[in-house]
Amino acid sequence: MAKIIDKKEAQLNLYIKFLKERLFFEPGSATLHYNLGLAYSHKDLLDEAISELKQAIECDPDLPQAYVNLGGLYLRKDEPDMCIDANLKALDIDPDFTAAHSNLAFGYLQQGNLERAILHAKKALELMPGSPQAYTLLATAYLQSGQMEPAAQVSKEMIEANDKFAPAYYNLGLALAALDRAEDAAPYFQRAKELGYAVECE
């Protein structure tokens, strides 16, 4: 296993070296800066990745993927305001960019802006039906806002789409328990456990 990891790391380092050499001759290439930013991201060099994605945007301000990935990096740095700003710029370019809506839902959840989190999670789910991430964001936003009936409904839909997705059972259990339906909730908590989910509340 260590050898496989070392090989992947070596390949990534070689790729970064290649991109930096190319950028020496093509400093205005948005694609090269963008790819280097992604490579740095894979190495968890977040500041370096952010710098490269910003340079990609300077080279091509109409590159929505760069804004979305930049927003994702800000999420990893626990900076939801910056994440939201970057992803809103992505939507200015492409209003139907699913990843931007998902990032915004997550960012607004971190801010506690549940109304906007629900809005963007719904849009992400509309654009990508069956997406576990979009379902989870929407269910979480409903739960946090005290909307237990919609939380239960979306969790049931998640289970219909993927009956092995443990968080859906857990979220359904939470919603039912909050609706004073503890007996109905128990089997869903149990199923979440069986699927490997760490159940903290029953």
Protein backbone atom coordinates (compact mmCIF):
# COMPACT_ATOMS: atom_id res chain seq x y z
CA MET A 1 0.00 0.00 0.00
CA ALA A 2 2.80 2.43 0.89
CA LYS A 3 4.44 1.82 -2.47
CA ILE A 4 1.17 2.60 -4.28
CA ILE A 5 0.78 5.83 -2.30
CA ASP A 6 4.40 6.76 -2.97
CA LYS A 7 3.90 6.12 -6.67
CA LYS A 8 0.80 8.31 -6.81
CA GLU A 9 2.58 11.04 -4.86
CA ALA A 10 5.54 10.86 -7.22
CA GLN A 11 3.26 11.08 -10.25
CA LEU A 12 1.48 14.09 -8.77
CA ASN A 13 4.78 15.81 -8.02
CA LEU A 14 5.95 15.13 -11.58
CA TYR A 15 2.69 16.56 -12.94
CA ILE A 16 3.11 19.70 -10.84
CA LYS A 17 6.67 20.10 -12.08
CA PHE A 18 5.44 19.73 -15.67
CA LEU A 19 2.70 22.35 -15.19
CA LYS A 20 5.09 24.84 -13.58
CA GLU A 21 7.53 24.42 -16.45
CA ARG A 22 4.74 24.96 -18.97
CA LEU A 23 3.60 28.07 -17.11
CA PHE A 24 7.08 29.54 -17.38
CA PHE A 25 6.48 29.73 -21.14
CA GLU A 26 2.70 30.28 -21.00
CA PRO A 27 2.03 32.44 -17.92
CA GLY A 28 -1.30 33.61 -19.33
CA SER A 29 -2.79 30.13 -19.66
CA ALA A 30 -5.94 29.82 -17.56
CA THR A 31 -6.01 26.06 -18.13
CA LEU A 32 -2.49 25.54 -16.82
CA HIS A 33 -3.12 27.66 -13.72
CA TYR A 34 -6.42 25.85 -13.16
CA ASN A 35 -4.85 22.40 -13.45
CA LEU A 36 -1.99 23.39 -11.17
CA GLY A 37 -4.51 24.63 -8.63
CA LEU A 38 -6.28 21.27 -8.70
CA ALA A 39 -2.96 19.44 -8.34
CA TYR A 40 -2.02 21.53 -5.31
CA SER A 41 -5.47 20.83 -3.89
CA HIS A 42 -4.83 17.08 -4.12
CA LYS A 43 -1.69 17.64 -2.06
CA ASP A 44 -3.65 19.67 0.51
CA LEU A 45 -1.59 22.76 -0.34
CA LEU A 46 -4.65 24.94 -0.02
CA ASP A 47 -3.05 28.39 -0.13
CA GLU A 48 -1.03 27.46 -3.22
CA ALA A 49 -4.16 26.01 -4.84
CA ILE A 50 -6.15 29.17 -4.10
CA SER A 51 -3.40 31.32 -5.59
CA GLU A 52 -3.36 29.31 -8.82
CA LEU A 53 -7.14 29.32 -9.20
CA LYS A 54 -7.20 33.07 -8.68
CA GLN A 55 -4.60 33.40 -11.43
CA ALA A 56 -6.70 31.17 -13.67
CA ILE A 57 -9.64 33.53 -13.10
CA GLU A 58 -7.45 36.54 -13.88
CA CYS A 59 -6.54 34.88 -17.18
CA ASP A 60 -10.13 33.86 -17.92
CA PRO A 61 -12.82 35.55 -15.78
CA ASP A 62 -15.51 33.41 -17.46
CA LEU A 63 -14.26 30.06 -16.14
CA PRO A 64 -17.02 28.87 -13.77
CA GLN A 65 -15.13 25.71 -12.76
CA ALA A 66 -12.36 27.85 -11.30
CA TYR A 67 -14.82 29.77 -9.11
CA VAL A 68 -16.48 26.54 -7.93
CA ASN A 69 -13.20 24.87 -7.04
CA LEU A 70 -12.02 28.07 -5.38
CA GLY A 71 -15.19 28.04 -3.32
CA GLY A 72 -14.57 24.41 -2.39
CA LEU A 73 -11.11 25.32 -1.14
CA TYR A 74 -12.56 28.09 1.01
CA LEU A 75 -14.94 25.53 2.51
CA ARG A 76 -11.96 23.35 3.41
CA LYS A 77 -10.42 26.39 5.12
CA ASP A 78 -13.68 26.98 7.00
CA GLU A 79 -14.34 30.29 5.27
CA PRO A 80 -18.02 30.05 4.21
CA ASP A 81 -18.32 33.73 3.30
CA MET A 82 -15.52 33.41 0.74
CA CYS A 83 -17.00 30.14 -0.51
CA ILE A 84 -20.38 31.77 -1.08
CA ASP A 85 -18.86 34.73 -2.89
CA ALA A 86 -16.89 32.50 -5.28
CA ASN A 87 -19.84 30.22 -6.08
CA LEU A 88 -22.22 33.12 -6.66
CA LYS A 89 -19.74 34.35 -9.27
CA ALA A 90 -19.84 30.90 -10.87
CA LEU A 91 -23.63 31.14 -11.09
CA ASP A 92 -23.35 34.55 -12.73
CA ILE A 93 -21.62 32.72 -15.57
CA ASP A 94 -23.61 29.49 -15.49
CA PRO A 95 -26.86 29.61 -13.46
CA ASP A 96 -27.28 25.83 -13.77
CA PHE A 97 -23.89 24.79 -12.42
CA THR A 98 -24.89 22.00 -10.02
CA ALA A 99 -21.67 22.00 -8.01
CA ALA A 100 -22.02 25.73 -7.36
CA HIS A 101 -25.52 25.24 -5.95
CA SER A 102 -24.27 22.38 -3.73
CA ASN A 103 -21.36 24.47 -2.47
CA LEU A 104 -23.71 27.36 -1.77
CA ALA A 105 -26.09 25.11 0.16
CA PHE A 106 -23.19 23.90 2.29
CA GLY A 107 -21.81 27.40 2.77
CA TYR A 108 -25.19 28.80 3.78
CA LEU A 109 -25.66 25.87 6.19
CA GLN A 110 -22.39 26.83 7.86
CA GLN A 111 -23.58 30.43 8.07
CA GLY A 112 -26.91 29.38 9.53
CA ASN A 113 -28.78 30.89 6.58
CA LEU A 114 -31.17 27.94 6.28
CA GLU A 115 -33.61 29.54 3.85
CA ARG A 116 -30.89 30.04 1.25
CA ALA A 117 -29.38 26.63 2.01
CA ILE A 118 -32.73 25.02 1.20
CA LEU A 119 -33.10 27.09 -1.97
CA HIS A 120 -29.74 26.02 -3.40
CA ALA A 121 -30.01 22.40 -2.22
CA LYS A 122 -33.36 22.13 -4.00
CA LYS A 123 -31.84 23.57 -7.16
CA ALA A 124 -28.90 21.16 -7.00
CA LEU A 125 -31.32 18.26 -6.62
CA GLU A 126 -33.41 19.53 -9.52
CA LEU A 127 -30.32 19.69 -11.72
CA MET A 128 -28.97 16.33 -10.56
CA PRO A 129 -31.83 14.05 -9.44
CA GLY A 130 -30.67 11.25 -7.16
CA SER A 131 -27.57 13.10 -5.95
CA PRO A 132 -26.79 11.85 -2.40
CA GLN A 133 -24.96 15.10 -1.62
CA ALA A 134 -27.90 17.29 -2.68
CA TYR A 135 -30.39 15.10 -0.82
CA THR A 136 -28.27 15.22 2.34
CA LEU A 137 -27.84 19.00 2.18
CA LEU A 138 -31.56 19.49 1.73
CA ALA A 139 -32.50 17.07 4.53
CA THR A 140 -29.97 18.69 6.87
CA ALA A 141 -31.27 22.17 6.11
CA TYR A 142 -34.84 21.05 6.75
CA LEU A 143 -33.84 19.39 10.03
CA GLN A 144 -31.92 22.42 11.24
CA SER A 145 -34.82 24.73 10.37
CA GLY A 146 -37.30 22.53 12.24
CA GLN A 147 -39.18 21.47 9.10
CA MET A 148 -39.51 17.81 10.06
CA GLU A 149 -42.19 16.73 7.58
CA PRO A 150 -40.19 17.90 4.54
CA ALA A 151 -37.03 16.40 6.12
CA ALA A 152 -38.79 13.04 6.46
CA GLN A 153 -40.12 13.21 2.91
CA VAL A 154 -36.78 14.02 1.29
CA SER A 155 -35.09 11.31 3.37
CA LYS A 156 -37.63 8.75 2.14
CA GLU A 157 -36.88 9.86 -1.41
CA MET A 158 -33.17 9.40 -0.73
CA ILE A 159 -33.81 5.83 0.44
CA GLU A 160 -35.88 5.10 -2.66
CA ALA A 161 -33.04 6.38 -4.82
CA ASN A 162 -30.32 4.52 -2.86
CA ASP A 163 -31.37 2.03 -0.21
CA LYS A 164 -27.77 1.61 0.99
CA PHE A 165 -27.27 5.30 1.82
CA ALA A 166 -27.00 5.27 5.62
CA PRO A 167 -27.35 9.03 6.28
CA ALA A 168 -30.83 8.94 4.74
CA TYR A 169 -32.02 6.41 7.33
CA TYR A 170 -30.45 8.42 10.14
CA ASN A 171 -32.00 11.70 8.97
CA LEU A 172 -35.39 10.00 8.60
CA GLY A 173 -35.05 8.67 12.13
CA LEU A 174 -34.25 12.16 13.42
CA ALA A 175 -37.24 13.67 11.64
CA LEU A 176 -39.65 11.01 12.90
CA ALA A 177 -38.31 11.24 16.45
CA ALA A 178 -38.80 15.01 16.39
CA LEU A 179 -42.39 14.39 15.27
CA ASP A 180 -42.95 12.29 18.44
CA ARG A 181 -42.85 9.08 16.43
CA ALA A 182 -40.05 7.34 18.32
CA GLU A 183 -41.32 3.83 17.56
CA ASP A 184 -41.36 4.59 13.83
CA ALA A 185 -37.91 6.18 14.06
CA ALA A 186 -36.20 3.22 15.78
CA PRO A 187 -35.97 0.90 12.73
CA TYR A 188 -34.37 3.66 10.68
CA PHE A 189 -31.73 4.33 13.34
CA GLN A 190 -31.09 0.59 13.44
CA ARG A 191 -30.73 0.38 9.66
CA ALA A 192 -28.34 3.32 9.69
CA LYS A 193 -26.22 1.44 12.25
CA GLU A 194 -26.28 -1.73 10.13
CA LEU A 195 -24.98 0.29 7.19
CA GLY A 196 -22.08 1.59 9.28
CA TYR A 197 -23.41 5.00 10.32
CA ALA A 198 -22.45 6.23 13.78
CA VAL A 199 -25.84 6.82 15.35
CA GLU A 200 -25.65 9.35 18.19
CA CYS A 201 -29.32 9.88 18.85
CA GLU A 202 -32.14 7.36 19.10
